[in-house]
């Protein structure tokens, strides 16, 4: 059975990435540059974390010097 909280948690994950960027003073263009991807690609991945590959989410977290499991846990807490 599908978890009804899952889609909201993924939306919350995008919010957590945005919050981490703000905490670290990193803009979306700067993050895209760190990752070596076009701004539009990064924007799409963050807009739709549900469709993003796990390795892409890990790379984003690493570029922010953040822990993906911690960001996901925060997202789950907020979604509950």
PDB file of N, CA and C in Angstrom:
ATOM      1  N   UNK A   1       0.843  -1.180   0.000  1.00  0.00           N
ATOM      2  CA  UNK A   1       0.000   0.000   0.000  1.00  0.00           C
ATOM      3  C   UNK A   1       0.892   1.248   0.000  1.00  0.00           C
ATOM      4  N   UNK A   2       0.535   2.214  -0.783  1.00  0.00           N
ATOM      5  CA  UNK A   2       1.304   3.445  -0.896  1.00  0.00           C
ATOM      6  C   UNK A   2       1.086   4.347   0.307  1.00  0.00           C
ATOM      7  N   UNK A   3       2.164   4.918   0.792  1.00  0.00           N
ATOM      8  CA  UNK A   3       2.101   5.813   1.940  1.00  0.00           C
ATOM      9  C   UNK A   3       1.504   7.147   1.497  1.00  0.00           C
ATOM     10  N   UNK A   4       0.356   7.550   2.049  1.00  0.00           N
ATOM     11  CA  UNK A   4      -0.254   8.815   1.625  1.00  0.00           C
ATOM     12  C   UNK A   4       0.599  10.030   1.976  1.00  0.00           C
ATOM     13  N   UNK A   5       1.536   9.897   2.906  1.00  0.00           N
ATOM     14  CA  UNK A   5       2.411  11.009   3.270  1.00  0.00           C
ATOM     15  C   UNK A   5       3.576  11.174   2.311  1.00  0.00           C
ATOM     16  N   UNK A   6       3.882  10.157   1.501  1.00  0.00           N
ATOM     17  CA  UNK A   6       5.076  10.181   0.654  1.00  0.00           C
ATOM     18  C   UNK A   6       5.145  11.398  -0.270  1.00  0.00           C
ATOM     19  N   UNK A   7       4.108  11.711  -1.040  1.00  0.00           N
ATOM     20  CA  UNK A   7       4.250  12.886  -1.920  1.00  0.00           C
ATOM     21  C   UNK A   7       4.502  14.175  -1.154  1.00  0.00           C
ATOM     22  N   UNK A   8       3.836  14.356  -0.031  1.00  0.00           N
ATOM     23  CA  UNK A   8       4.048  15.566   0.754  1.00  0.00           C
ATOM     24  C   UNK A   8       5.470  15.591   1.305  1.00  0.00           C
ATOM     25  N   UNK A   9       5.989  14.443   1.734  1.00  0.00           N
ATOM     26  CA  UNK A   9       7.357  14.387   2.248  1.00  0.00           C
ATOM     27  C   UNK A   9       8.342  14.815   1.174  1.00  0.00           C
ATOM     28  N   UNK A  10       8.097  14.445  -0.053  1.00  0.00           N
ATOM     29  CA  UNK A  10       8.994  14.837  -1.131  1.00  0.00           C
ATOM     30  C   UNK A  10       8.917  16.344  -1.355  1.00  0.00           C
ATOM     31  N   UNK A  11       7.748  16.904  -1.258  1.00  0.00           N
ATOM     32  CA  UNK A  11       7.611  18.349  -1.353  1.00  0.00           C
ATOM     33  C   UNK A  11       8.363  19.005  -0.202  1.00  0.00           C
ATOM     34  N   UNK A  12       8.253  18.435   0.960  1.00  0.00           N
ATOM     35  CA  UNK A  12       8.980  18.941   2.123  1.00  0.00           C
ATOM     36  C   UNK A  12      10.480  18.813   1.916  1.00  0.00           C
ATOM     37  N   UNK A  13      10.922  17.806   1.194  1.00  0.00           N
ATOM     38  CA  UNK A  13      12.345  17.660   0.922  1.00  0.00           C
ATOM     39  C   UNK A  13      12.853  18.846   0.106  1.00  0.00           C
ATOM     40  N   UNK A  14      12.086  19.268  -0.875  1.00  0.00           N
ATOM     41  CA  UNK A  14      12.478  20.440  -1.662  1.00  0.00           C
ATOM     42  C   UNK A  14      12.577  21.664  -0.757  1.00  0.00           C
ATOM     43  N   UNK A  15      11.661  21.785   0.177  1.00  0.00           N
ATOM     44  CA  UNK A  15      11.683  22.896   1.130  1.00  0.00           C
ATOM     45  C   UNK A  15      12.944  22.822   1.988  1.00  0.00           C
ATOM     46  N   UNK A  16      13.325  21.617   2.380  1.00  0.00           N
ATOM     47  CA  UNK A  16      14.526  21.448   3.193  1.00  0.00           C
ATOM     48  C   UNK A  16      15.792  21.808   2.411  1.00  0.00           C
ATOM     49  N   UNK A  17      15.821  21.465   1.122  1.00  0.00           N
ATOM     50  CA  UNK A  17      16.962  21.875   0.299  1.00  0.00           C
ATOM     51  C   UNK A  17      17.024  23.400   0.223  1.00  0.00           C
ATOM     52  N   UNK A  18      15.877  24.029   0.021  1.00  0.00           N
ATOM     53  CA  UNK A  18      15.840  25.498  -0.031  1.00  0.00           C
ATOM     54  C   UNK A  18      16.320  26.108   1.291  1.00  0.00           C
ATOM     55  N   UNK A  19      15.871  25.535   2.398  1.00  0.00           N
ATOM     56  CA  UNK A  19      16.265  26.044   3.714  1.00  0.00           C
ATOM     57  C   UNK A  19      17.764  25.879   3.931  1.00  0.00           C
ATOM     58  N   UNK A  20      18.302  24.741   3.496  1.00  0.00           N
ATOM     59  CA  UNK A  20      19.742  24.509   3.655  1.00  0.00           C
ATOM     60  C   UNK A  20      20.541  25.488   2.804  1.00  0.00           C
ATOM     61  N   UNK A  21      20.057  25.763   1.612  1.00  0.00           N
ATOM     62  CA  UNK A  21      20.717  26.751   0.755  1.00  0.00           C
ATOM     63  C   UNK A  21      20.726  28.114   1.455  1.00  0.00           C
ATOM     64  N   UNK A  22      19.617  28.484   2.040  1.00  0.00           N
ATOM     65  CA  UNK A  22      19.517  29.771   2.732  1.00  0.00           C
ATOM     66  C   UNK A  22      20.454  29.812   3.935  1.00  0.00           C
ATOM     67  N   UNK A  23      20.482  28.725   4.716  1.00  0.00           N
ATOM     68  CA  UNK A  23      21.365  28.679   5.886  1.00  0.00           C
ATOM     69  C   UNK A  23      22.829  28.850   5.490  1.00  0.00           C
ATOM     70  N   UNK A  24      23.174  28.317   4.340  1.00  0.00           N
ATOM     71  CA  UNK A  24      24.575  28.341   3.911  1.00  0.00           C
ATOM     72  C   UNK A  24      24.880  29.515   2.976  1.00  0.00           C
ATOM     73  N   UNK A  25      23.852  30.311   2.670  1.00  0.00           N
ATOM     74  CA  UNK A  25      24.054  31.476   1.813  1.00  0.00           C
ATOM     75  C   UNK A  25      24.419  31.114   0.381  1.00  0.00           C
ATOM     76  N   UNK A  26      23.846  30.007  -0.099  1.00  0.00           N
ATOM     77  CA  UNK A  26      24.129  29.530  -1.453  1.00  0.00           C
ATOM     78  C   UNK A  26      22.908  29.779  -2.331  1.00  0.00           C
ATOM     79  N   UNK A  27      23.124  30.412  -3.465  1.00  0.00           N
ATOM     80  CA  UNK A  27      22.029  30.640  -4.407  1.00  0.00           C
ATOM     81  C   UNK A  27      21.900  29.446  -5.344  1.00  0.00           C
ATOM     82  N   UNK A  28      20.782  29.364  -6.020  1.00  0.00           N
ATOM     83  CA  UNK A  28      20.564  28.286  -6.975  1.00  0.00           C
ATOM     84  C   UNK A  28      21.605  28.300  -8.096  1.00  0.00           C
ATOM     85  N   UNK A  29      21.930  29.464  -8.678  1.00  0.00           N
ATOM     86  CA  UNK A  29      22.983  29.473  -9.699  1.00  0.00           C
ATOM     87  C   UNK A  29      24.340  29.021  -9.152  1.00  0.00           C
ATOM     88  N   UNK A  30      24.662  29.403  -7.925  1.00  0.00           N
ATOM     89  CA  UNK A  30      25.922  28.965  -7.320  1.00  0.00           C
ATOM     90  C   UNK A  30      25.935  27.452  -7.123  1.00  0.00           C
ATOM     91  N   UNK A  31      24.812  26.913  -6.669  1.00  0.00           N
ATOM     92  CA  UNK A  31      24.710  25.475  -6.460  1.00  0.00           C
ATOM     93  C   UNK A  31      24.824  24.727  -7.782  1.00  0.00           C
ATOM     94  N   UNK A  32      24.185  25.237  -8.809  1.00  0.00           N
ATOM     95  CA  UNK A  32      24.286  24.621 -10.138  1.00  0.00           C
ATOM     96  C   UNK A  32      25.736  24.611 -10.602  1.00  0.00           C
ATOM     97  N   UNK A  33      26.440  25.704 -10.352  1.00  0.00           N
ATOM     98  CA  UNK A  33      27.851  25.782 -10.724  1.00  0.00           C
ATOM     99  C   UNK A  33      28.674  24.757  -9.956  1.00  0.00           C
ATOM    100  N   UNK A  34      28.424  24.617  -8.673  1.00  0.00           N
ATOM    101  CA  UNK A  34      29.134  23.620  -7.854  1.00  0.00           C
ATOM    102  C   UNK A  34      28.910  22.205  -8.385  1.00  0.00           C
ATOM    103  N   UNK A  35      27.702  21.961  -8.857  1.00  0.00           N
ATOM    104  CA  UNK A  35      27.346  20.625  -9.349  1.00  0.00           C
ATOM    105  C   UNK A  35      27.775  20.402 -10.797  1.00  0.00           C
ATOM    106  N   UNK A  36      28.064  21.495 -11.492  1.00  0.00           N
ATOM    107  CA  UNK A  36      28.430  21.381 -12.895  1.00  0.00           C
ATOM    108  C   UNK A  36      27.258  21.026 -13.796  1.00  0.00           C
ATOM    109  N   UNK A  37      26.076  21.510 -13.409  1.00  0.00           N
ATOM    110  CA  UNK A  37      24.869  21.274 -14.211  1.00  0.00           C
ATOM    111  C   UNK A  37      24.237  22.612 -14.549  1.00  0.00           C
ATOM    112  N   UNK A  38      23.476  22.654 -15.633  1.00  0.00           N
ATOM    113  CA  UNK A  38      22.771  23.898 -15.948  1.00  0.00           C
ATOM    114  C   UNK A  38      21.770  24.261 -14.845  1.00  0.00           C
ATOM    115  N   UNK A  39      21.591  25.549 -14.659  1.00  0.00           N
ATOM    116  CA  UNK A  39      20.622  26.062 -13.681  1.00  0.00           C
ATOM    117  C   UNK A  39      19.256  25.421 -13.899  1.00  0.00           C
ATOM    118  N   UNK A  40      18.823  25.336 -15.155  1.00  0.00           N
ATOM    119  CA  UNK A  40      17.488  24.803 -15.457  1.00  0.00           C
ATOM    120  C   UNK A  40      17.352  23.347 -15.024  1.00  0.00           C
ATOM    121  N   UNK A  41      18.423  22.586 -15.156  1.00  0.00           N
ATOM    122  CA  UNK A  41      18.394  21.183 -14.740  1.00  0.00           C
ATOM    123  C   UNK A  41      18.254  21.082 -13.226  1.00  0.00           C
ATOM    124  N   UNK A  42      19.053  21.855 -12.512  1.00  0.00           N
ATOM    125  CA  UNK A  42      18.966  21.840 -11.053  1.00  0.00           C
ATOM    126  C   UNK A  42      17.600  22.315 -10.591  1.00  0.00           C
ATOM    127  N   UNK A  43      17.094  23.345 -11.206  1.00  0.00           N
ATOM    128  CA  UNK A  43      15.776  23.873 -10.842  1.00  0.00           C
ATOM    129  C   UNK A  43      14.706  22.792 -11.010  1.00  0.00           C
ATOM    130  N   UNK A  44      14.765  22.065 -12.118  1.00  0.00           N
ATOM    131  CA  UNK A  44      13.803  20.974 -12.363  1.00  0.00           C
ATOM    132  C   UNK A  44      13.924  19.891 -11.292  1.00  0.00           C
ATOM    133  N   UNK A  45      15.150  19.541 -10.940  1.00  0.00           N
ATOM    134  CA  UNK A  45      15.348  18.490  -9.927  1.00  0.00           C
ATOM    135  C   UNK A  45      14.800  18.916  -8.574  1.00  0.00           C
ATOM    136  N   UNK A  46      15.009  20.144  -8.213  1.00  0.00           N
ATOM    137  CA  UNK A  46      14.510  20.621  -6.930  1.00  0.00           C
ATOM    138  C   UNK A  46      13.010  20.867  -6.953  1.00  0.00           C
ATOM    139  N   UNK A  47      12.479  21.225  -8.111  1.00  0.00           N
ATOM    140  CA  UNK A  47      11.032  21.413  -8.240  1.00  0.00           C
ATOM    141  C   UNK A  47      10.282  20.097  -8.166  1.00  0.00           C
ATOM    142  N   UNK A  48      10.939  19.020  -8.572  1.00  0.00           N
ATOM    143  CA  UNK A  48      10.272  17.723  -8.612  1.00  0.00           C
ATOM    144  C   UNK A  48      11.182  16.678  -7.979  1.00  0.00           C
ATOM    145  N   UNK A  49      11.397  16.806  -6.668  1.00  0.00           N
ATOM    146  CA  UNK A  49      12.269  15.856  -5.989  1.00  0.00           C
ATOM    147  C   UNK A  49      11.709  14.446  -6.066  1.00  0.00           C
ATOM    148  N   UNK A  50      10.418  14.330  -6.273  1.00  0.00           N
ATOM    149  CA  UNK A  50       9.789  13.012  -6.393  1.00  0.00           C
ATOM    150  C   UNK A  50      10.362  12.245  -7.586  1.00  0.00           C
ATOM    151  N   UNK A  51      10.663  12.939  -8.666  1.00  0.00           N
ATOM    152  CA  UNK A  51      11.170  12.296  -9.873  1.00  0.00           C
ATOM    153  C   UNK A  51      12.698  12.281  -9.937  1.00  0.00           C
ATOM    154  N   UNK A  52      13.344  13.018  -9.044  1.00  0.00           N
ATOM    155  CA  UNK A  52      14.809  13.092  -9.061  1.00  0.00           C
ATOM    156  C   UNK A  52      15.408  11.758  -8.635  1.00  0.00           C
ATOM    157  N   UNK A  53      16.529  11.423  -9.235  1.00  0.00           N
ATOM    158  CA  UNK A  53      17.232  10.198  -8.863  1.00  0.00           C
ATOM    159  C   UNK A  53      17.937  10.413  -7.530  1.00  0.00           C
ATOM    160  N   UNK A  54      18.047   9.340  -6.784  1.00  0.00           N
ATOM    161  CA  UNK A  54      18.686   9.397  -5.479  1.00  0.00           C
ATOM    162  C   UNK A  54      20.111   9.934  -5.592  1.00  0.00           C
ATOM    163  N   UNK A  55      20.835   9.520  -6.610  1.00  0.00           N
ATOM    164  CA  UNK A  55      22.215  10.004  -6.749  1.00  0.00           C
ATOM    165  C   UNK A  55      22.247  11.516  -6.980  1.00  0.00           C
ATOM    166  N   UNK A  56      21.232  12.053  -7.660  1.00  0.00           N
ATOM    167  CA  UNK A  56      21.162  13.504  -7.864  1.00  0.00           C
ATOM    168  C   UNK A  56      20.886  14.221  -6.544  1.00  0.00           C
ATOM    169  N   UNK A  57      19.990  13.661  -5.742  1.00  0.00           N
ATOM    170  CA  UNK A  57      19.686  14.258  -4.443  1.00  0.00           C
ATOM    171  C   UNK A  57      20.902  14.204  -3.526  1.00  0.00           C
ATOM    172  N   UNK A  58      21.622  13.093  -3.571  1.00  0.00           N
ATOM    173  CA  UNK A  58      22.859  12.979  -2.778  1.00  0.00           C
ATOM    174  C   UNK A  58      23.882  14.019  -3.224  1.00  0.00           C
ATOM    175  N   UNK A  59      24.017  14.193  -4.529  1.00  0.00           N
ATOM    176  CA  UNK A  59      24.986  15.162  -5.057  1.00  0.00           C
ATOM    177  C   UNK A  59      24.633  16.570  -4.616  1.00  0.00           C
ATOM    178  N   UNK A  60      23.354  16.897  -4.629  1.00  0.00           N
ATOM    179  CA  UNK A  60      22.916  18.229  -4.191  1.00  0.00           C
ATOM    180  C   UNK A  60      23.249  18.422  -2.715  1.00  0.00           C
ATOM    181  N   UNK A  61      22.926  17.424  -1.894  1.00  0.00           N
ATOM    182  CA  UNK A  61      23.222  17.517  -0.465  1.00  0.00           C
ATOM    183  C   UNK A  61      24.726  17.666  -0.238  1.00  0.00           C
ATOM    184  N   UNK A  62      25.516  16.891  -0.949  1.00  0.00           N
ATOM    185  CA  UNK A  62      26.971  16.959  -0.804  1.00  0.00           C
ATOM    186  C   UNK A  62      27.492  18.331  -1.203  1.00  0.00           C
ATOM    187  N   UNK A  63      26.958  18.887  -2.283  1.00  0.00           N
ATOM    188  CA  UNK A  63      27.381  20.219  -2.728  1.00  0.00           C
ATOM    189  C   UNK A  63      27.043  21.282  -1.689  1.00  0.00           C
ATOM    190  N   UNK A  64      26.049  21.003  -0.870  1.00  0.00           N
ATOM    191  CA  UNK A  64      25.675  21.922   0.211  1.00  0.00           C
ATOM    192  C   UNK A  64      26.385  21.574   1.516  1.00  0.00           C
ATOM    193  N   UNK A  65      27.229  20.545   1.471  1.00  0.00           N
ATOM    194  CA  UNK A  65      27.902  20.061   2.668  1.00  0.00           C
ATOM    195  C   UNK A  65      26.879  19.709   3.745  1.00  0.00           C
ATOM    196  N   UNK A  66      25.830  19.025   3.303  1.00  0.00           N
ATOM    197  CA  UNK A  66      24.735  18.634   4.182  1.00  0.00           C
ATOM    198  C   UNK A  66      24.534  17.128   4.086  1.00  0.00           C
ATOM    199  N   UNK A  67      23.828  16.591   5.025  1.00  0.00           N
ATOM    200  CA  UNK A  67      23.525  15.161   5.057  1.00  0.00           C
ATOM    201  C   UNK A  67      22.139  14.921   4.456  1.00  0.00           C
ATOM    202  N   UNK A  68      22.089  14.129   3.389  1.00  0.00           N
ATOM    203  CA  UNK A  68      20.788  13.819   2.791  1.00  0.00           C
ATOM    204  C   UNK A  68      19.873  13.106   3.779  1.00  0.00           C
ATOM    205  N   UNK A  69      20.372  12.117   4.542  1.00  0.00           N
ATOM    206  CA  UNK A  69      19.466  11.495   5.532  1.00  0.00           C
ATOM    207  C   UNK A  69      18.897  12.498   6.539  1.00  0.00           C
ATOM    208  N   UNK A  70      19.720  13.466   6.955  1.00  0.00           N
ATOM    209  CA  UNK A  70      19.210  14.483   7.882  1.00  0.00           C
ATOM    210  C   UNK A  70      18.145  15.351   7.223  1.00  0.00           C
ATOM    211  N   UNK A  71      18.391  15.750   5.987  1.00  0.00           N
ATOM    212  CA  UNK A  71      17.392  16.562   5.269  1.00  0.00           C
ATOM    213  C   UNK A  71      16.104  15.772   5.076  1.00  0.00           C
ATOM    214  N   UNK A  72      16.239  14.496   4.756  1.00  0.00           N
ATOM    215  CA  UNK A  72      15.041  13.655   4.562  1.00  0.00           C
ATOM    216  C   UNK A  72      14.288  13.470   5.874  1.00  0.00           C
ATOM    217  N   UNK A  73      15.019  13.308   6.976  1.00  0.00           N
ATOM    218  CA  UNK A  73      14.372  13.161   8.275  1.00  0.00           C
ATOM    219  C   UNK A  73      13.600  14.422   8.640  1.00  0.00           C
ATOM    220  N   UNK A  74      14.202  15.581   8.394  1.00  0.00           N
ATOM    221  CA  UNK A  74      13.496  16.845   8.655  1.00  0.00           C
ATOM    222  C   UNK A  74      12.245  16.950   7.803  1.00  0.00           C
ATOM    223  N   UNK A  75      12.363  16.531   6.550  1.00  0.00           N
ATOM    224  CA  UNK A  75      11.202  16.572   5.645  1.00  0.00           C
ATOM    225  C   UNK A  75      10.098  15.661   6.151  1.00  0.00           C
ATOM    226  N   UNK A  76      10.466  14.474   6.589  1.00  0.00           N
ATOM    227  CA  UNK A  76       9.466  13.526   7.126  1.00  0.00           C
ATOM    228  C   UNK A  76       8.786  14.087   8.364  1.00  0.00           C
ATOM    229  N   UNK A  77       9.559  14.702   9.247  1.00  0.00           N
ATOM    230  CA  UNK A  77       8.995  15.297  10.457  1.00  0.00           C
ATOM    231  C   UNK A  77       7.973  16.370  10.113  1.00  0.00           C
ATOM    232  N   UNK A  78       8.318  17.218   9.170  1.00  0.00           N
ATOM    233  CA  UNK A  78       7.405  18.302   8.772  1.00  0.00           C
ATOM    234  C   UNK A  78       6.164  17.772   8.069  1.00  0.00           C
ATOM    235  N   UNK A  79       6.311  16.655   7.386  1.00  0.00           N
ATOM    236  CA  UNK A  79       5.185  16.092   6.642  1.00  0.00           C
ATOM    237  C   UNK A  79       4.189  15.389   7.562  1.00  0.00           C
ATOM    238  N   UNK A  80       4.679  14.981   8.721  1.00  0.00           N
ATOM    239  CA  UNK A  80       3.814  14.217   9.651  1.00  0.00           C
ATOM    240  C   UNK A  80       2.792  15.096  10.324  1.00  0.00           C
TER     241      UNK A  80
END
